[in-house]
Amino acid sequence: MKRSLFALLFSLPLVTFAGFASADGRGPGDGKDAVQFPVPAADFQARHDARVTKMRAKMEERIAAKKVDADKAKEMRARFDARVAKVQTAINAAKADGKVTKEEAQEIRKAAHGDHGGRAHQGKPGGRGNRPAPKA
């Protein structure tokens, strides 16, 4: 009797907590913006355009907040536009059949991140990143 009562009292909060924790029905990777592949090409393009608009606005905010001079701002905008053009080329190739598959989206992501993605933690030879060497 004591064991069953203990088991009931112990399991009831766990079950209740688990029920509330997953009340929205979303698991890992199933956020409100999760994309179900294959995606119609027009929807994928619309998502990309919205994201580019948001990134451009944030870039302009940074330029204004940091009071970047005109030449540097022009260079930043040119780099941004070049990257957007590269990604748009990959999107145009992927949406030729009217749908964008998960594999095609991964290729687009590679085009978007270019050569700089995934190595930030490695740093310089010696493994210390940007931290100065310890004083002897």
Protein backbone atom coordinates (compact mmCIF):
# COMPACT_ATOMS: atom_id res chain seq x y z
CA MET A 1 0.00 0.00 0.00
CA LYS A 2 2.76 2.42 0.93
CA ARG A 3 4.65 1.66 -2.27
CA SER A 4 1.66 2.23 -4.52
CA LEU A 5 0.75 5.43 -2.69
CA PHE A 6 4.35 6.63 -2.94
CA ALA A 7 4.48 5.76 -6.65
CA LEU A 8 1.22 7.58 -7.27
CA LEU A 9 2.30 10.69 -5.39
CA PHE A 10 5.68 10.68 -7.12
CA SER A 11 4.39 10.11 -10.65
CA LEU A 12 1.45 12.52 -10.54
CA PRO A 13 3.59 15.72 -10.58
CA LEU A 14 5.84 14.28 -13.28
CA VAL A 15 2.92 13.44 -15.55
CA THR A 16 1.29 16.81 -14.89
CA PHE A 17 4.51 18.70 -15.59
CA ALA A 18 5.16 16.72 -18.78
CA GLY A 19 1.61 17.42 -19.94
CA PHE A 20 1.96 21.17 -19.43
CA ALA A 21 5.44 21.27 -20.91
CA SER A 22 4.22 19.81 -24.18
CA ALA A 23 0.82 21.51 -24.18
CA ASP A 24 1.52 23.38 -27.40
CA GLY A 25 2.13 20.08 -29.22
CA ARG A 26 5.44 21.18 -30.65
CA GLY A 27 8.49 19.06 -30.40
CA PRO A 28 12.08 20.03 -31.13
CA GLY A 29 12.32 21.82 -34.46
CA ASP A 30 8.56 22.24 -34.81
CA GLY A 31 8.43 25.93 -34.06
CA LYS A 32 5.74 28.23 -35.35
CA ASP A 33 7.91 28.98 -38.38
CA ALA A 34 8.86 25.38 -39.13
CA VAL A 35 8.76 24.62 -42.84
CA GLN A 36 7.28 21.39 -44.13
CA PHE A 37 9.21 20.25 -47.20
CA PRO A 38 8.71 20.22 -50.13
CA VAL A 39 7.65 23.88 -50.12
CA PRO A 40 5.98 25.61 -53.06
CA ALA A 41 8.57 27.84 -54.73
CA ALA A 42 6.46 30.98 -54.33
CA ASP A 43 6.17 30.44 -50.56
CA PHE A 44 9.90 29.83 -50.23
CA GLN A 45 10.65 32.99 -52.22
CA ALA A 46 8.23 35.00 -50.07
CA ARG A 47 9.93 33.78 -46.88
CA HIS A 48 13.32 34.68 -48.32
CA ASP A 49 12.16 38.15 -49.38
CA ALA A 50 10.73 38.83 -45.93
CA ARG A 51 13.96 37.73 -44.30
CA VAL A 52 16.09 39.88 -46.60
CA THR A 53 13.88 42.89 -45.87
CA LYS A 54 14.32 42.34 -42.13
CA MET A 55 18.10 41.87 -42.44
CA ARG A 56 18.41 45.00 -44.58
CA ALA A 57 16.48 47.03 -41.99
CA LYS A 58 18.73 45.76 -39.19
CA MET A 59 21.82 46.58 -41.23
CA GLU A 60 20.56 50.13 -41.81
CA GLU A 61 19.85 50.46 -38.07
CA ARG A 62 23.42 49.41 -37.30
CA ILE A 63 24.82 51.84 -39.84
CA ALA A 64 22.80 54.67 -38.30
CA ALA A 65 23.53 53.69 -34.68
CA LYS A 66 27.27 53.39 -35.22
CA LYS A 67 27.38 56.52 -37.39
CA VAL A 68 29.31 54.74 -40.12
CA ASP A 69 30.79 57.07 -42.74
CA ALA A 70 29.30 57.07 -46.24
CA ASP A 71 32.09 55.11 -47.94
CA LYS A 72 32.06 52.33 -45.36
CA ALA A 73 28.24 52.20 -45.43
CA LYS A 74 28.32 51.92 -49.22
CA GLU A 75 30.79 49.04 -48.94
CA MET A 76 28.62 47.27 -46.34
CA ARG A 77 25.55 47.59 -48.55
CA ALA A 78 27.48 46.30 -51.57
CA ARG A 79 28.66 43.22 -49.62
CA PHE A 80 25.11 42.59 -48.43
CA ASP A 81 23.68 42.94 -51.95
CA ALA A 82 26.35 40.61 -53.35
CA ARG A 83 25.49 37.94 -50.79
CA VAL A 84 21.75 38.35 -51.46
CA ALA A 85 22.39 37.98 -55.20
CA LYS A 86 24.39 34.79 -54.60
CA VAL A 87 21.59 33.31 -52.50
CA GLN A 88 18.96 34.40 -55.01
CA THR A 89 20.86 32.57 -57.76
CA ALA A 90 20.75 29.39 -55.66
CA ILE A 91 17.03 29.90 -54.99
CA ASN A 92 16.29 30.38 -58.69
CA ALA A 93 18.05 27.11 -59.47
CA ALA A 94 16.15 25.30 -56.70
CA LYS A 95 12.72 26.59 -57.61
CA ALA A 96 12.95 25.70 -61.31
CA ASP A 97 10.58 22.75 -60.81
CA GLY A 98 8.07 24.75 -58.74
CA LYS A 99 8.97 23.17 -55.39
CA VAL A 100 11.92 23.46 -53.02
CA THR A 101 12.98 20.23 -51.32
CA LYS A 102 14.87 19.95 -48.05
CA GLU A 103 18.09 19.06 -49.88
CA GLU A 104 17.76 22.10 -52.14
CA ALA A 105 17.14 24.28 -49.09
CA GLN A 106 20.34 22.94 -47.53
CA GLU A 107 22.25 23.91 -50.69
CA ILE A 108 20.71 27.39 -50.49
CA ARG A 109 21.81 27.59 -46.86
CA LYS A 110 25.37 26.68 -47.88
CA ALA A 111 25.29 29.47 -50.46
CA ALA A 112 24.01 31.89 -47.83
CA HIS A 113 26.68 31.05 -45.28
CA GLY A 114 29.51 30.79 -47.76
CA ASP A 115 32.99 30.14 -46.47
CA HIS A 116 32.61 31.65 -43.03
CA GLY A 117 30.09 29.35 -41.36
CA GLY A 118 30.92 26.72 -38.79
CA ARG A 119 34.50 27.61 -37.90
CA ALA A 120 34.09 30.38 -35.37
CA HIS A 121 35.03 28.16 -32.44
CA GLN A 122 38.32 27.01 -33.95
CA GLY A 123 40.15 30.30 -33.80
CA LYS A 124 43.83 30.63 -34.52
CA PRO A 125 46.41 27.85 -34.55
CA GLY A 126 47.14 27.00 -30.96
CA GLY A 127 43.50 26.75 -29.99
CA ARG A 128 43.16 29.97 -28.01
CA GLY A 129 40.92 31.82 -30.46
CA ASN A 130 41.26 35.58 -30.04
CA ARG A 131 42.37 35.42 -26.42
CA PRO A 132 45.90 36.58 -25.72
CA ALA A 133 48.53 34.05 -24.78
CA PRO A 134 49.09 33.68 -21.03
CA LYS A 135 52.00 35.63 -19.60
CA ALA A 136 54.90 33.48 -18.48
